[in-house]
């Protein structure tokens, strides 16, 4: 009886979960995302010096990026996700590179997030690591 109960519960959980977990990261990221918060862990580091602290990102097909800062200034560029394995080959790591230009001011904004992890169907975290601290960027899909 217990194996049948466990199997039924497992099937119910699997069918009720979002199918997004089976999509590749470059497909899951498509859409409009708000950068809602940036946390700092460790010693040192100042979030005021970060290139991106808030705003809205639109990740489009063909790696097209649009970023709008809180002042309403818009930047256009590209994004790319790469897959790597850690030294012991047990951890799958994905990096996210974003590059954008404000054509009115010629300002360039570029960042490499050293690891990204989806934490739900409409949320992901991106990480920038330094020697003594880590910045954790929280994104939420609209």
C-alpha atoms as a PDB file:
ATOM      1  CA  UNK A   1       0.000   0.000   0.000  1.00  0.00           C
ATOM      2  CA  UNK A   2       2.813   2.429   0.847  1.00  0.00           C
ATOM      3  CA  UNK A   3       4.533   2.062  -2.559  1.00  0.00           C
ATOM      4  CA  UNK A   4       1.230   2.747  -4.338  1.00  0.00           C
ATOM      5  CA  UNK A   5       0.594   5.812  -2.163  1.00  0.00           C
ATOM      6  CA  UNK A   6       4.134   7.116  -2.778  1.00  0.00           C
ATOM      7  CA  UNK A   7       3.795   6.574  -6.548  1.00  0.00           C
ATOM      8  CA  UNK A   8       0.435   8.375  -6.643  1.00  0.00           C
ATOM      9  CA  UNK A   9       1.786  11.293  -4.616  1.00  0.00           C
ATOM     10  CA  UNK A  10       4.874  11.534  -6.841  1.00  0.00           C
ATOM     11  CA  UNK A  11       2.791  11.564 -10.020  1.00  0.00           C
ATOM     12  CA  UNK A  12       0.471  14.203  -8.588  1.00  0.00           C
ATOM     13  CA  UNK A  13       3.381  16.442  -7.661  1.00  0.00           C
ATOM     14  CA  UNK A  14       5.045  15.999 -11.050  1.00  0.00           C
ATOM     15  CA  UNK A  15       1.904  16.789 -13.033  1.00  0.00           C
ATOM     16  CA  UNK A  16       1.047  19.811 -10.875  1.00  0.00           C
ATOM     17  CA  UNK A  17       4.504  21.380 -11.257  1.00  0.00           C
ATOM     18  CA  UNK A  18       5.197  23.919 -13.944  1.00  0.00           C
ATOM     19  CA  UNK A  19       6.708  22.566 -17.123  1.00  0.00           C
ATOM     20  CA  UNK A  20       9.178  25.500 -17.019  1.00  0.00           C
ATOM     21  CA  UNK A  21      11.627  23.450 -14.985  1.00  0.00           C
ATOM     22  CA  UNK A  22      12.175  21.294 -18.073  1.00  0.00           C
ATOM     23  CA  UNK A  23      12.949  24.268 -20.341  1.00  0.00           C
ATOM     24  CA  UNK A  24      16.472  25.402 -21.094  1.00  0.00           C
ATOM     25  CA  UNK A  25      17.585  28.559 -19.257  1.00  0.00           C
ATOM     26  CA  UNK A  26      17.777  30.545 -22.496  1.00  0.00           C
ATOM     27  CA  UNK A  27      14.066  29.809 -23.038  1.00  0.00           C
ATOM     28  CA  UNK A  28      12.992  30.339 -19.418  1.00  0.00           C
ATOM     29  CA  UNK A  29      14.527  33.811 -19.268  1.00  0.00           C
ATOM     30  CA  UNK A  30      12.551  35.171 -22.226  1.00  0.00           C
ATOM     31  CA  UNK A  31      10.179  37.939 -21.185  1.00  0.00           C
ATOM     32  CA  UNK A  32      10.050  40.996 -18.944  1.00  0.00           C
ATOM     33  CA  UNK A  33      11.849  40.881 -15.587  1.00  0.00           C
ATOM     34  CA  UNK A  34      12.076  43.445 -12.799  1.00  0.00           C
ATOM     35  CA  UNK A  35      15.275  43.629 -10.768  1.00  0.00           C
ATOM     36  CA  UNK A  36      13.576  43.886  -7.393  1.00  0.00           C
ATOM     37  CA  UNK A  37      16.452  43.754  -4.905  1.00  0.00           C
ATOM     38  CA  UNK A  38      20.198  43.362  -4.516  1.00  0.00           C
ATOM     39  CA  UNK A  39      21.605  41.714  -1.385  1.00  0.00           C
ATOM     40  CA  UNK A  40      25.214  41.710  -0.275  1.00  0.00           C
ATOM     41  CA  UNK A  41      26.743  38.844   1.661  1.00  0.00           C
ATOM     42  CA  UNK A  42      30.200  38.916   3.216  1.00  0.00           C
ATOM     43  CA  UNK A  43      32.618  41.690   4.062  1.00  0.00           C
ATOM     44  CA  UNK A  44      32.993  44.861   1.992  1.00  0.00           C
ATOM     45  CA  UNK A  45      31.381  45.806  -1.267  1.00  0.00           C
ATOM     46  CA  UNK A  46      28.969  48.634  -1.932  1.00  0.00           C
ATOM     47  CA  UNK A  47      25.742  48.151  -3.878  1.00  0.00           C
ATOM     48  CA  UNK A  48      25.861  51.833  -4.920  1.00  0.00           C
ATOM     49  CA  UNK A  49      28.769  51.056  -7.266  1.00  0.00           C
ATOM     50  CA  UNK A  50      26.934  48.306  -9.162  1.00  0.00           C
ATOM     51  CA  UNK A  51      26.062  48.828 -12.823  1.00  0.00           C
ATOM     52  CA  UNK A  52      22.529  47.454 -12.309  1.00  0.00           C
ATOM     53  CA  UNK A  53      20.723  47.978  -8.977  1.00  0.00           C
ATOM     54  CA  UNK A  54      17.116  48.069 -10.199  1.00  0.00           C
ATOM     55  CA  UNK A  55      15.093  48.530 -13.367  1.00  0.00           C
ATOM     56  CA  UNK A  56      13.375  46.367 -15.945  1.00  0.00           C
ATOM     57  CA  UNK A  57      15.004  43.901 -18.334  1.00  0.00           C
ATOM     58  CA  UNK A  58      13.318  42.499 -21.425  1.00  0.00           C
ATOM     59  CA  UNK A  59      15.097  39.367 -22.632  1.00  0.00           C
ATOM     60  CA  UNK A  60      13.980  38.719 -26.193  1.00  0.00           C
ATOM     61  CA  UNK A  61      14.491  36.092 -28.855  1.00  0.00           C
ATOM     62  CA  UNK A  62      17.815  36.089 -30.693  1.00  0.00           C
ATOM     63  CA  UNK A  63      19.544  37.371 -27.528  1.00  0.00           C
ATOM     64  CA  UNK A  64      18.069  40.887 -27.876  1.00  0.00           C
ATOM     65  CA  UNK A  65      18.012  42.918 -24.644  1.00  0.00           C
ATOM     66  CA  UNK A  66      16.183  46.050 -23.589  1.00  0.00           C
ATOM     67  CA  UNK A  67      16.868  47.595 -20.182  1.00  0.00           C
ATOM     68  CA  UNK A  68      14.962  50.519 -18.655  1.00  0.00           C
ATOM     69  CA  UNK A  69      16.364  52.187 -15.561  1.00  0.00           C
ATOM     70  CA  UNK A  70      14.159  53.769 -12.856  1.00  0.00           C
ATOM     71  CA  UNK A  71      14.521  57.202 -14.535  1.00  0.00           C
ATOM     72  CA  UNK A  72      12.956  55.849 -17.723  1.00  0.00           C
ATOM     73  CA  UNK A  73      16.201  55.825 -19.720  1.00  0.00           C
ATOM     74  CA  UNK A  74      16.282  52.898 -22.148  1.00  0.00           C
ATOM     75  CA  UNK A  75      19.292  50.846 -23.195  1.00  0.00           C
ATOM     76  CA  UNK A  76      19.428  48.305 -26.024  1.00  0.00           C
ATOM     77  CA  UNK A  77      21.838  45.458 -26.498  1.00  0.00           C
ATOM     78  CA  UNK A  78      22.215  41.716 -26.100  1.00  0.00           C
ATOM     79  CA  UNK A  79      22.330  38.926 -23.550  1.00  0.00           C
ATOM     80  CA  UNK A  80      23.889  35.482 -23.469  1.00  0.00           C
ATOM     81  CA  UNK A  81      23.705  32.466 -21.163  1.00  0.00           C
ATOM     82  CA  UNK A  82      26.620  30.033 -21.045  1.00  0.00           C
ATOM     83  CA  UNK A  83      26.763  26.692 -19.275  1.00  0.00           C
ATOM     84  CA  UNK A  84      29.805  25.535 -17.310  1.00  0.00           C
ATOM     85  CA  UNK A  85      30.600  22.795 -14.833  1.00  0.00           C
ATOM     86  CA  UNK A  86      32.400  23.268 -11.556  1.00  0.00           C
ATOM     87  CA  UNK A  87      35.811  21.706 -10.985  1.00  0.00           C
ATOM     88  CA  UNK A  88      34.380  18.473  -9.653  1.00  0.00           C
ATOM     89  CA  UNK A  89      31.804  18.260 -12.491  1.00  0.00           C
ATOM     90  CA  UNK A  90      28.965  17.878  -9.996  1.00  0.00           C
ATOM     91  CA  UNK A  91      27.513  21.378 -10.236  1.00  0.00           C
ATOM     92  CA  UNK A  92      26.012  22.873 -13.364  1.00  0.00           C
ATOM     93  CA  UNK A  93      26.713  26.630 -13.503  1.00  0.00           C
ATOM     94  CA  UNK A  94      25.119  29.096 -15.901  1.00  0.00           C
ATOM     95  CA  UNK A  95      26.483  32.589 -16.446  1.00  0.00           C
ATOM     96  CA  UNK A  96      24.466  35.519 -17.771  1.00  0.00           C
ATOM     97  CA  UNK A  97      26.157  38.298 -19.714  1.00  0.00           C
ATOM     98  CA  UNK A  98      24.223  41.517 -20.439  1.00  0.00           C
ATOM     99  CA  UNK A  99      25.450  44.398 -22.579  1.00  0.00           C
ATOM    100  CA  UNK A 100      23.388  47.485 -23.373  1.00  0.00           C
ATOM    101  CA  UNK A 101      23.858  50.998 -24.783  1.00  0.00           C
ATOM    102  CA  UNK A 102      21.784  54.148 -24.324  1.00  0.00           C
ATOM    103  CA  UNK A 103      21.981  55.528 -27.853  1.00  0.00           C
ATOM    104  CA  UNK A 104      21.035  59.033 -26.686  1.00  0.00           C
ATOM    105  CA  UNK A 105      23.839  59.401 -24.145  1.00  0.00           C
ATOM    106  CA  UNK A 106      26.205  56.709 -25.532  1.00  0.00           C
ATOM    107  CA  UNK A 107      26.432  55.244 -22.005  1.00  0.00           C
ATOM    108  CA  UNK A 108      27.294  51.537 -21.959  1.00  0.00           C
ATOM    109  CA  UNK A 109      26.153  49.167 -19.227  1.00  0.00           C
ATOM    110  CA  UNK A 110      27.635  45.701 -19.126  1.00  0.00           C
ATOM    111  CA  UNK A 111      27.698  42.958 -16.488  1.00  0.00           C
ATOM    112  CA  UNK A 112      28.628  39.318 -16.140  1.00  0.00           C
ATOM    113  CA  UNK A 113      26.550  37.450 -13.588  1.00  0.00           C
ATOM    114  CA  UNK A 114      28.742  34.517 -12.598  1.00  0.00           C
ATOM    115  CA  UNK A 115      25.862  32.223 -11.717  1.00  0.00           C
ATOM    116  CA  UNK A 116      22.099  32.318 -12.181  1.00  0.00           C
ATOM    117  CA  UNK A 117      19.510  30.059 -10.583  1.00  0.00           C
ATOM    118  CA  UNK A 118      15.787  29.936 -11.176  1.00  0.00           C
ATOM    119  CA  UNK A 119      13.998  29.788  -7.839  1.00  0.00           C
ATOM    120  CA  UNK A 120      10.502  29.403  -9.267  1.00  0.00           C
ATOM    121  CA  UNK A 121       8.632  29.780 -12.527  1.00  0.00           C
ATOM    122  CA  UNK A 122       8.778  33.572 -12.291  1.00  0.00           C
ATOM    123  CA  UNK A 123      11.885  34.247 -10.184  1.00  0.00           C
ATOM    124  CA  UNK A 124      15.618  33.880 -10.516  1.00  0.00           C
ATOM    125  CA  UNK A 125      18.734  34.973  -8.670  1.00  0.00           C
ATOM    126  CA  UNK A 126      21.946  36.151 -10.290  1.00  0.00           C
ATOM    127  CA  UNK A 127      25.260  36.228  -8.443  1.00  0.00           C
ATOM    128  CA  UNK A 128      28.449  38.262  -8.693  1.00  0.00           C
ATOM    129  CA  UNK A 129      31.274  36.872  -6.573  1.00  0.00           C
ATOM    130  CA  UNK A 130      34.227  38.766  -5.176  1.00  0.00           C
ATOM    131  CA  UNK A 131      36.942  37.709  -2.788  1.00  0.00           C
ATOM    132  CA  UNK A 132      35.195  38.792   0.383  1.00  0.00           C
ATOM    133  CA  UNK A 133      31.603  39.324  -0.683  1.00  0.00           C
ATOM    134  CA  UNK A 134      28.824  38.224  -3.006  1.00  0.00           C
ATOM    135  CA  UNK A 135      26.103  40.316  -4.595  1.00  0.00           C
ATOM    136  CA  UNK A 136      22.765  38.544  -5.062  1.00  0.00           C
ATOM    137  CA  UNK A 137      20.372  40.060  -7.595  1.00  0.00           C
ATOM    138  CA  UNK A 138      16.683  39.129  -7.325  1.00  0.00           C
ATOM    139  CA  UNK A 139      14.615  39.125 -10.529  1.00  0.00           C
ATOM    140  CA  UNK A 140      10.856  38.676 -10.793  1.00  0.00           C
ATOM    141  CA  UNK A 141       8.978  38.162 -14.039  1.00  0.00           C
ATOM    142  CA  UNK A 142       5.996  40.349 -14.835  1.00  0.00           C
END
